[in-house]
C-alpha atoms as a PDB file:
ATOM      1  CA  MET A   1     -20.235   6.101  12.967  1.00  0.00           C
ATOM      2  CA  TRP A   2     -22.429   9.099  11.892  1.00  0.00           C
ATOM      3  CA  VAL A   3     -25.987   9.506  13.149  1.00  0.00           C
ATOM      4  CA  PRO A   4     -28.203  12.297  11.674  1.00  0.00           C
ATOM      5  CA  GLY A   5     -28.176  15.372  14.018  1.00  0.00           C
ATOM      6  CA  ASP A   6     -24.783  14.669  15.414  1.00  0.00           C
ATOM      7  CA  ILE A   7     -23.013  17.569  13.743  1.00  0.00           C
ATOM      8  CA  ALA A   8     -23.579  21.137  12.965  1.00  0.00           C
ATOM      9  CA  ALA A   9     -22.119  20.947   9.404  1.00  0.00           C
ATOM     10  CA  GLY A  10     -25.210  19.335   8.020  1.00  0.00           C
ATOM     11  CA  PHE A  11     -24.467  16.197   6.074  1.00  0.00           C
ATOM     12  CA  ASN A  12     -20.745  16.576   6.031  1.00  0.00           C
ATOM     13  CA  VAL A  13     -18.439  14.818   8.509  1.00  0.00           C
ATOM     14  CA  PHE A  14     -14.883  16.359   8.395  1.00  0.00           C
ATOM     15  CA  THR A  15     -13.130  13.506   9.811  1.00  0.00           C
ATOM     16  CA  LYS A  16      -9.662  15.246  10.329  1.00  0.00           C
ATOM     17  CA  MET A  17      -8.163  11.898   9.282  1.00  0.00           C
ATOM     18  CA  THR A  18      -5.183  11.757   7.007  1.00  0.00           C
ATOM     19  CA  LEU A  19      -5.018   8.714   4.875  1.00  0.00           C
ATOM     20  CA  ARG A  20      -2.480   7.621   2.192  1.00  0.00           C
ATOM     21  CA  VAL A  21      -2.797   6.106  -1.299  1.00  0.00           C
ATOM     22  CA  GLY A  22      -3.220   2.400  -0.805  1.00  0.00           C
ATOM     23  CA  ASP A  23      -5.374   2.824   2.289  1.00  0.00           C
ATOM     24  CA  ARG A  24      -8.741   1.059   2.261  1.00  0.00           C
ATOM     25  CA  ILE A  25     -11.952   2.399   3.737  1.00  0.00           C
ATOM     26  CA  ASP A  26     -14.985   0.095   4.275  1.00  0.00           C
ATOM     27  CA  PHE A  27     -18.355   1.718   4.653  1.00  0.00           C
ATOM     28  CA  ILE A  28     -21.470   0.037   6.096  1.00  0.00           C
ATOM     29  CA  VAL A  29     -24.704   2.100   5.840  1.00  0.00           C
ATOM     30  CA  THR A  30     -27.414   1.361   8.536  1.00  0.00           C
ATOM     31  CA  ALA A  31     -30.777   2.796   7.476  1.00  0.00           C
ATOM     32  CA  ARG A  32     -34.482   1.948   7.648  1.00  0.00           C
ATOM     33  CA  ASP A  33     -37.283   3.110   5.553  1.00  0.00           C
ATOM     34  CA  PRO A  34     -40.244   4.342   7.715  1.00  0.00           C
ATOM     35  CA  GLU A  35     -42.557   1.897   5.832  1.00  0.00           C
ATOM     36  CA  ASP A  36     -39.933  -0.866   5.890  1.00  0.00           C
ATOM     37  CA  ALA A  37     -39.586  -0.798   2.044  1.00  0.00           C
ATOM     38  CA  PRO A  38     -36.317  -1.956   0.626  1.00  0.00           C
ATOM     39  CA  LEU A  39     -33.528   0.699   0.139  1.00  0.00           C
ATOM     40  CA  GLU A  40     -30.875   1.178  -2.411  1.00  0.00           C
ATOM     41  CA  TYR A  41     -27.373   2.778  -1.860  1.00  0.00           C
ATOM     42  CA  CYS A  42     -24.761   4.353  -3.904  1.00  0.00           C
ATOM     43  CA  MET A  43     -21.455   6.082  -3.390  1.00  0.00           C
ATOM     44  CA  GLN A  44     -19.770   8.979  -4.958  1.00  0.00           C
ATOM     45  CA  VAL A  45     -16.103   9.775  -4.518  1.00  0.00           C
ATOM     46  CA  GLY A  46     -14.921  13.444  -5.301  1.00  0.00           C
ATOM     47  CA  GLU A  47     -16.195  14.745  -8.580  1.00  0.00           C
ATOM     48  CA  MET A  48     -16.632  11.360 -10.221  1.00  0.00           C
ATOM     49  CA  PRO A  49     -20.061  10.148 -11.023  1.00  0.00           C
ATOM     50  CA  HIS A  50     -21.770   8.178  -8.416  1.00  0.00           C
ATOM     51  CA  SER A  51     -21.716   4.447  -8.536  1.00  0.00           C
ATOM     52  CA  SER A  52     -24.687   2.340  -9.688  1.00  0.00           C
ATOM     53  CA  TRP A  53     -27.554   2.002  -7.127  1.00  0.00           C
ATOM     54  CA  GLN A  54     -27.273  -1.416  -5.272  1.00  0.00           C
ATOM     55  CA  ALA A  55     -29.251  -3.349  -2.731  1.00  0.00           C
ATOM     56  CA  SER A  56     -26.032  -3.951  -0.629  1.00  0.00           C
ATOM     57  CA  ASN A  57     -25.392  -1.448   2.081  1.00  0.00           C
ATOM     58  CA  SER A  58     -21.618  -1.861   2.066  1.00  0.00           C
ATOM     59  CA  PHE A  59     -18.944  -0.171   0.033  1.00  0.00           C
ATOM     60  CA  LEU A  60     -15.097  -0.509  -0.215  1.00  0.00           C
ATOM     61  CA  LEU A  61     -12.827   2.453  -1.399  1.00  0.00           C
ATOM     62  CA  GLN A  62      -9.154   1.844  -2.140  1.00  0.00           C
ATOM     63  CA  LEU A  63      -7.498   5.130  -2.324  1.00  0.00           C
ATOM     64  CA  THR A  64      -5.539   5.634  -5.535  1.00  0.00           C
ATOM     65  CA  PRO A  65      -3.247   8.587  -6.684  1.00  0.00           C
ATOM     66  CA  LYS A  66      -6.256  10.489  -8.181  1.00  0.00           C
ATOM     67  CA  ARG A  67      -7.715  10.822  -4.713  1.00  0.00           C
ATOM     68  CA  ILE A  68      -4.689  12.867  -3.373  1.00  0.00           C
ATOM     69  CA  ARG A  69      -6.014  16.180  -2.068  1.00  0.00           C
ATOM     70  CA  GLN A  70      -7.287  17.905   1.034  1.00  0.00           C
ATOM     71  CA  ALA A  71     -10.850  17.029   1.997  1.00  0.00           C
ATOM     72  CA  CYS A  72     -11.415  14.290  -0.492  1.00  0.00           C
ATOM     73  CA  GLY A  73     -15.233  13.814  -0.101  1.00  0.00           C
ATOM     74  CA  VAL A  74     -17.012  10.300  -0.053  1.00  0.00           C
ATOM     75  CA  ALA A  75     -20.768  10.672  -0.258  1.00  0.00           C
ATOM     76  CA  LEU A  76     -23.061   7.816   0.479  1.00  0.00           C
ATOM     77  CA  PHE A  77     -26.666   8.146  -0.901  1.00  0.00           C
ATOM     78  CA  ILE A  78     -29.865   6.224   0.136  1.00  0.00           C
ATOM     79  CA  ARG A  79     -33.162   6.077  -1.617  1.00  0.00           C
ATOM     80  CA  SER A  80     -36.356   4.045  -1.360  1.00  0.00           C
ATOM     81  CA  ASN A  81     -37.820   2.206  -4.285  1.00  0.00           C
ATOM     82  CA  ARG A  82     -40.686   4.748  -4.474  1.00  0.00           C
ATOM     83  CA  SER A  83     -41.049   7.149  -7.523  1.00  0.00           C
ATOM     84  CA  TYR A  84     -40.646  10.258  -5.269  1.00  0.00           C
ATOM     85  CA  HIS A  85     -37.697  11.079  -3.044  1.00  0.00           C
ATOM     86  CA  ALA A  86     -37.039  13.514  -0.246  1.00  0.00           C
ATOM     87  CA  THR A  87     -34.464  15.479  -2.145  1.00  0.00           C
ATOM     88  CA  GLY A  88     -35.172  14.825  -5.684  1.00  0.00           C
ATOM     89  CA  TRP A  89     -33.196  11.716  -6.888  1.00  0.00           C
ATOM     90  CA  PHE A  90     -32.286  10.296  -3.377  1.00  0.00           C
ATOM     91  CA  ASP A  91     -33.686  10.316   0.158  1.00  0.00           C
ATOM     92  CA  ALA A  92     -30.678  10.926   2.387  1.00  0.00           C
ATOM     93  CA  LEU A  93     -26.819  11.303   2.260  1.00  0.00           C
ATOM     94  CA  VAL A  94     -23.888  11.733   4.304  1.00  0.00           C
ATOM     95  CA  ALA A  95     -20.356  12.854   2.983  1.00  0.00           C
ATOM     96  CA  PHE A  96     -17.220  12.029   4.758  1.00  0.00           C
ATOM     97  CA  HIS A  97     -14.050  14.119   4.110  1.00  0.00           C
ATOM     98  CA  TYR A  98     -10.464  12.876   4.340  1.00  0.00           C
ATOM     99  CA  ASP A  99      -7.033  14.323   3.549  1.00  0.00           C
ATOM    100  CA  VAL A 100      -5.316  11.877   1.159  1.00  0.00           C
ATOM    101  CA  LEU A 101      -1.464  12.030   0.910  1.00  0.00           C
ATOM    102  CA  PRO A 102       0.876  10.118  -1.625  1.00  0.00           C
ATOM    103  CA  PRO A 103       2.192   6.748  -0.682  1.00  0.00           C
ATOM    104  CA  LYS A 104       5.378   6.684   1.620  1.00  0.00           C
END
């Protein structure tokens, strides 16, 4: 679990976890709009384009060979349904980093 303000690295969480191709990561985002407006979520893995915005706050990532690297980043973005956002095109984000090894 990550909570804003928990780390000195800003919005990056360097998990120090080593995963392998084939491993699965489930993410559940818990967030609240200050005016209780609905939120949208998307995920970006590495340098790939982010996923489509969705109302669901859960994501599944199955690690594939193209994810093999040190510090593979997984960014989760949140935005409100307003026309303006805190950082341009989204309101908040957190990025988790994992080392991903080939399958055994």
